[in-house]
Amino acid sequence: MHITYDPEADAMAIILCKGTVEETLIVTDNVNVDVDKEGRPLCIEILSVHEQLGSDTTRRFSFEVLSPNNE
């Protein structure tokens, strides 16, 4: 599992496992889940993180950024 945060987009991605996205399910206005053809979740995307959690919380985030070497 990898977690990334894009401060420009104010979006967090929780990547659960590798796979090909078949569909993106909209859970709420700010939460999407990418699933494969069997319906297994691959990635959870959270939008407007700063707005939802506040600046104190987002400043304390520690994220592992995906790179070609640690996928």
N, C-alpha and C. Protein backbone atom coordinates (compact mmCIF):
# COMPACT_ATOMS: atom_id res chain seq x y z
N MET A 1 0.84 -1.17 0.00
CA MET A 1 0.00 0.00 0.00
C MET A 1 0.89 1.24 0.00
N HIS A 2 0.47 2.22 -0.78
CA HIS A 2 1.18 3.51 -0.83
C HIS A 2 0.16 4.62 -0.67
N ILE A 3 0.57 5.68 -0.01
CA ILE A 3 -0.29 6.85 0.14
C ILE A 3 0.45 8.04 -0.45
N THR A 4 -0.25 8.78 -1.28
CA THR A 4 0.34 9.99 -1.86
C THR A 4 -0.60 11.16 -1.58
N TYR A 5 -0.01 12.33 -1.51
CA TYR A 5 -0.79 13.56 -1.34
C TYR A 5 -0.27 14.59 -2.32
N ASP A 6 -1.18 15.18 -3.07
CA ASP A 6 -0.85 16.23 -4.03
C ASP A 6 -1.39 17.54 -3.47
N PRO A 7 -0.52 18.40 -2.92
CA PRO A 7 -1.00 19.65 -2.31
C PRO A 7 -1.66 20.60 -3.32
N GLU A 8 -1.21 20.58 -4.56
CA GLU A 8 -1.83 21.45 -5.58
C GLU A 8 -3.27 21.04 -5.84
N ALA A 9 -3.52 19.76 -5.94
CA ALA A 9 -4.87 19.25 -6.17
C ALA A 9 -5.63 19.06 -4.86
N ASP A 10 -4.91 19.11 -3.73
CA ASP A 10 -5.46 18.83 -2.41
C ASP A 10 -6.17 17.48 -2.42
N ALA A 11 -5.46 16.48 -2.96
CA ALA A 11 -6.03 15.14 -3.10
C ALA A 11 -5.07 14.10 -2.55
N MET A 12 -5.63 13.11 -1.86
CA MET A 12 -4.87 11.99 -1.33
C MET A 12 -5.29 10.73 -2.08
N ALA A 13 -4.32 9.90 -2.42
CA ALA A 13 -4.60 8.61 -3.05
C ALA A 13 -4.03 7.52 -2.16
N ILE A 14 -4.87 6.58 -1.79
CA ILE A 14 -4.45 5.42 -1.02
C ILE A 14 -4.47 4.25 -2.00
N ILE A 15 -3.28 3.86 -2.45
CA ILE A 15 -3.15 2.83 -3.47
C ILE A 15 -3.02 1.49 -2.74
N LEU A 16 -4.03 0.68 -2.88
CA LEU A 16 -4.10 -0.59 -2.16
C LEU A 16 -3.31 -1.68 -2.85
N CYS A 17 -3.42 -1.77 -4.17
CA CYS A 17 -2.70 -2.78 -4.93
C CYS A 17 -2.67 -2.39 -6.41
N LYS A 18 -1.77 -3.04 -7.14
CA LYS A 18 -1.66 -2.80 -8.58
C LYS A 18 -2.81 -3.48 -9.31
N GLY A 19 -3.14 -2.96 -10.46
CA GLY A 19 -4.18 -3.55 -11.28
C GLY A 19 -4.67 -2.57 -12.32
N THR A 20 -5.56 -3.04 -13.16
CA THR A 20 -6.13 -2.21 -14.20
C THR A 20 -7.50 -1.72 -13.74
N VAL A 21 -7.66 -0.40 -13.76
CA VAL A 21 -8.92 0.20 -13.32
C VAL A 21 -9.99 -0.07 -14.37
N GLU A 22 -11.05 -0.70 -13.93
CA GLU A 22 -12.20 -0.97 -14.80
C GLU A 22 -13.26 0.11 -14.63
N GLU A 23 -13.39 0.62 -13.41
CA GLU A 23 -14.45 1.58 -13.11
C GLU A 23 -14.05 2.40 -11.89
N THR A 24 -14.51 3.65 -11.86
CA THR A 24 -14.35 4.49 -10.68
C THR A 24 -15.71 4.68 -10.04
N LEU A 25 -15.82 4.26 -8.80
CA LEU A 25 -17.06 4.39 -8.06
C LEU A 25 -17.04 5.69 -7.26
N ILE A 26 -18.08 6.47 -7.37
CA ILE A 26 -18.18 7.71 -6.61
C ILE A 26 -18.91 7.38 -5.31
N VAL A 27 -18.18 7.43 -4.21
CA VAL A 27 -18.74 7.07 -2.91
C VAL A 27 -19.44 8.28 -2.29
N THR A 28 -18.75 9.41 -2.30
CA THR A 28 -19.32 10.69 -1.85
C THR A 28 -18.79 11.76 -2.80
N ASP A 29 -19.14 13.01 -2.55
CA ASP A 29 -18.62 14.10 -3.38
C ASP A 29 -17.11 14.17 -3.36
N ASN A 30 -16.50 13.69 -2.27
CA ASN A 30 -15.05 13.81 -2.10
C ASN A 30 -14.30 12.50 -2.01
N VAL A 31 -14.97 11.38 -2.25
CA VAL A 31 -14.31 10.08 -2.16
C VAL A 31 -14.68 9.23 -3.37
N ASN A 32 -13.65 8.76 -4.08
CA ASN A 32 -13.81 7.86 -5.22
C ASN A 32 -13.01 6.59 -4.96
N VAL A 33 -13.50 5.49 -5.50
CA VAL A 33 -12.78 4.22 -5.37
C VAL A 33 -12.63 3.61 -6.76
N ASP A 34 -11.38 3.36 -7.16
CA ASP A 34 -11.10 2.68 -8.42
C ASP A 34 -11.14 1.18 -8.16
N VAL A 35 -11.87 0.44 -9.01
CA VAL A 35 -11.97 -1.01 -8.86
C VAL A 35 -11.56 -1.70 -10.15
N ASP A 36 -11.14 -2.97 -10.04
CA ASP A 36 -10.78 -3.75 -11.22
C ASP A 36 -12.04 -4.44 -11.76
N LYS A 37 -11.88 -5.29 -12.77
CA LYS A 37 -13.05 -5.91 -13.41
C LYS A 37 -13.79 -6.87 -12.48
N GLU A 38 -13.13 -7.35 -11.42
CA GLU A 38 -13.79 -8.21 -10.44
C GLU A 38 -14.41 -7.40 -9.31
N GLY A 39 -14.28 -6.08 -9.36
CA GLY A 39 -14.84 -5.22 -8.32
C GLY A 39 -13.95 -5.04 -7.10
N ARG A 40 -12.69 -5.52 -7.19
CA ARG A 40 -11.76 -5.35 -6.07
C ARG A 40 -11.24 -3.91 -6.05
N PRO A 41 -11.20 -3.28 -4.88
CA PRO A 41 -10.69 -1.91 -4.80
C PRO A 41 -9.19 -1.86 -5.04
N LEU A 42 -8.77 -0.93 -5.88
CA LEU A 42 -7.36 -0.73 -6.18
C LEU A 42 -6.83 0.55 -5.53
N CYS A 43 -7.66 1.59 -5.52
CA CYS A 43 -7.22 2.89 -5.04
C CYS A 43 -8.42 3.65 -4.47
N ILE A 44 -8.18 4.33 -3.35
CA ILE A 44 -9.17 5.21 -2.77
C ILE A 44 -8.63 6.63 -2.93
N GLU A 45 -9.42 7.49 -3.55
CA GLU A 45 -9.01 8.89 -3.75
C GLU A 45 -9.89 9.78 -2.89
N ILE A 46 -9.24 10.63 -2.11
CA ILE A 46 -9.95 11.58 -1.26
C ILE A 46 -9.63 12.98 -1.75
N LEU A 47 -10.66 13.72 -2.09
CA LEU A 47 -10.53 15.09 -2.61
C LEU A 47 -10.79 16.10 -1.50
N SER A 48 -10.30 17.31 -1.68
CA SER A 48 -10.49 18.40 -0.72
C SER A 48 -10.04 18.00 0.68
N VAL A 49 -8.88 17.40 0.75
CA VAL A 49 -8.34 16.89 2.02
C VAL A 49 -8.16 18.02 3.03
N HIS A 50 -7.56 19.10 2.61
CA HIS A 50 -7.29 20.23 3.50
C HIS A 50 -8.59 20.76 4.09
N GLU A 51 -9.60 20.89 3.25
CA GLU A 51 -10.91 21.39 3.68
C GLU A 51 -11.55 20.45 4.70
N GLN A 52 -11.39 19.15 4.49
CA GLN A 52 -12.03 18.17 5.36
C GLN A 52 -11.29 17.94 6.67
N LEU A 53 -9.94 17.98 6.62
CA LEU A 53 -9.16 17.64 7.80
C LEU A 53 -8.52 18.83 8.49
N GLY A 54 -8.43 19.96 7.81
CA GLY A 54 -7.83 21.15 8.39
C GLY A 54 -6.34 21.22 8.15
N SER A 55 -5.79 22.41 8.27
CA SER A 55 -4.38 22.63 7.95
C SER A 55 -3.44 21.97 8.94
N ASP A 56 -3.79 21.91 10.23
CA ASP A 56 -2.92 21.27 11.22
C ASP A 56 -2.70 19.80 10.89
N THR A 57 -3.75 19.12 10.52
CA THR A 57 -3.65 17.69 10.20
C THR A 57 -2.88 17.48 8.91
N THR A 58 -3.17 18.24 7.87
CA THR A 58 -2.49 18.02 6.58
C THR A 58 -1.01 18.35 6.68
N ARG A 59 -0.60 19.24 7.56
CA ARG A 59 0.82 19.54 7.73
C ARG A 59 1.58 18.38 8.36
N ARG A 60 0.89 17.54 9.11
CA ARG A 60 1.54 16.42 9.80
C ARG A 60 1.60 15.15 8.96
N PHE A 61 1.01 15.19 7.76
CA PHE A 61 1.02 14.00 6.91
C PHE A 61 2.45 13.60 6.57
N SER A 62 2.69 12.33 6.55
CA SER A 62 3.94 11.77 6.08
C SER A 62 3.59 10.74 5.02
N PHE A 63 4.06 10.95 3.80
CA PHE A 63 3.65 10.11 2.69
C PHE A 63 4.83 9.47 2.00
N GLU A 64 4.60 8.26 1.54
CA GLU A 64 5.55 7.57 0.70
C GLU A 64 5.15 7.87 -0.73
N VAL A 65 6.03 8.50 -1.48
CA VAL A 65 5.73 8.89 -2.84
C VAL A 65 6.14 7.75 -3.76
N LEU A 66 5.24 7.37 -4.65
CA LEU A 66 5.53 6.28 -5.59
C LEU A 66 6.61 6.71 -6.57
N SER A 67 7.50 5.82 -6.85
CA SER A 67 8.50 6.03 -7.87
C SER A 67 8.65 4.71 -8.63
N PRO A 68 9.28 4.72 -9.79
CA PRO A 68 9.43 3.47 -10.55
C PRO A 68 10.13 2.37 -9.76
N ASN A 69 10.94 2.72 -8.77
CA ASN A 69 11.69 1.72 -8.01
C ASN A 69 10.92 1.06 -6.89
N ASN A 70 9.84 1.69 -6.41
CA ASN A 70 9.14 1.11 -5.27
C ASN A 70 7.66 0.88 -5.52
N GLU A 71 7.27 0.69 -6.75
CA GLU A 71 5.88 0.43 -7.07
C GLU A 71 5.44 -0.92 -6.54
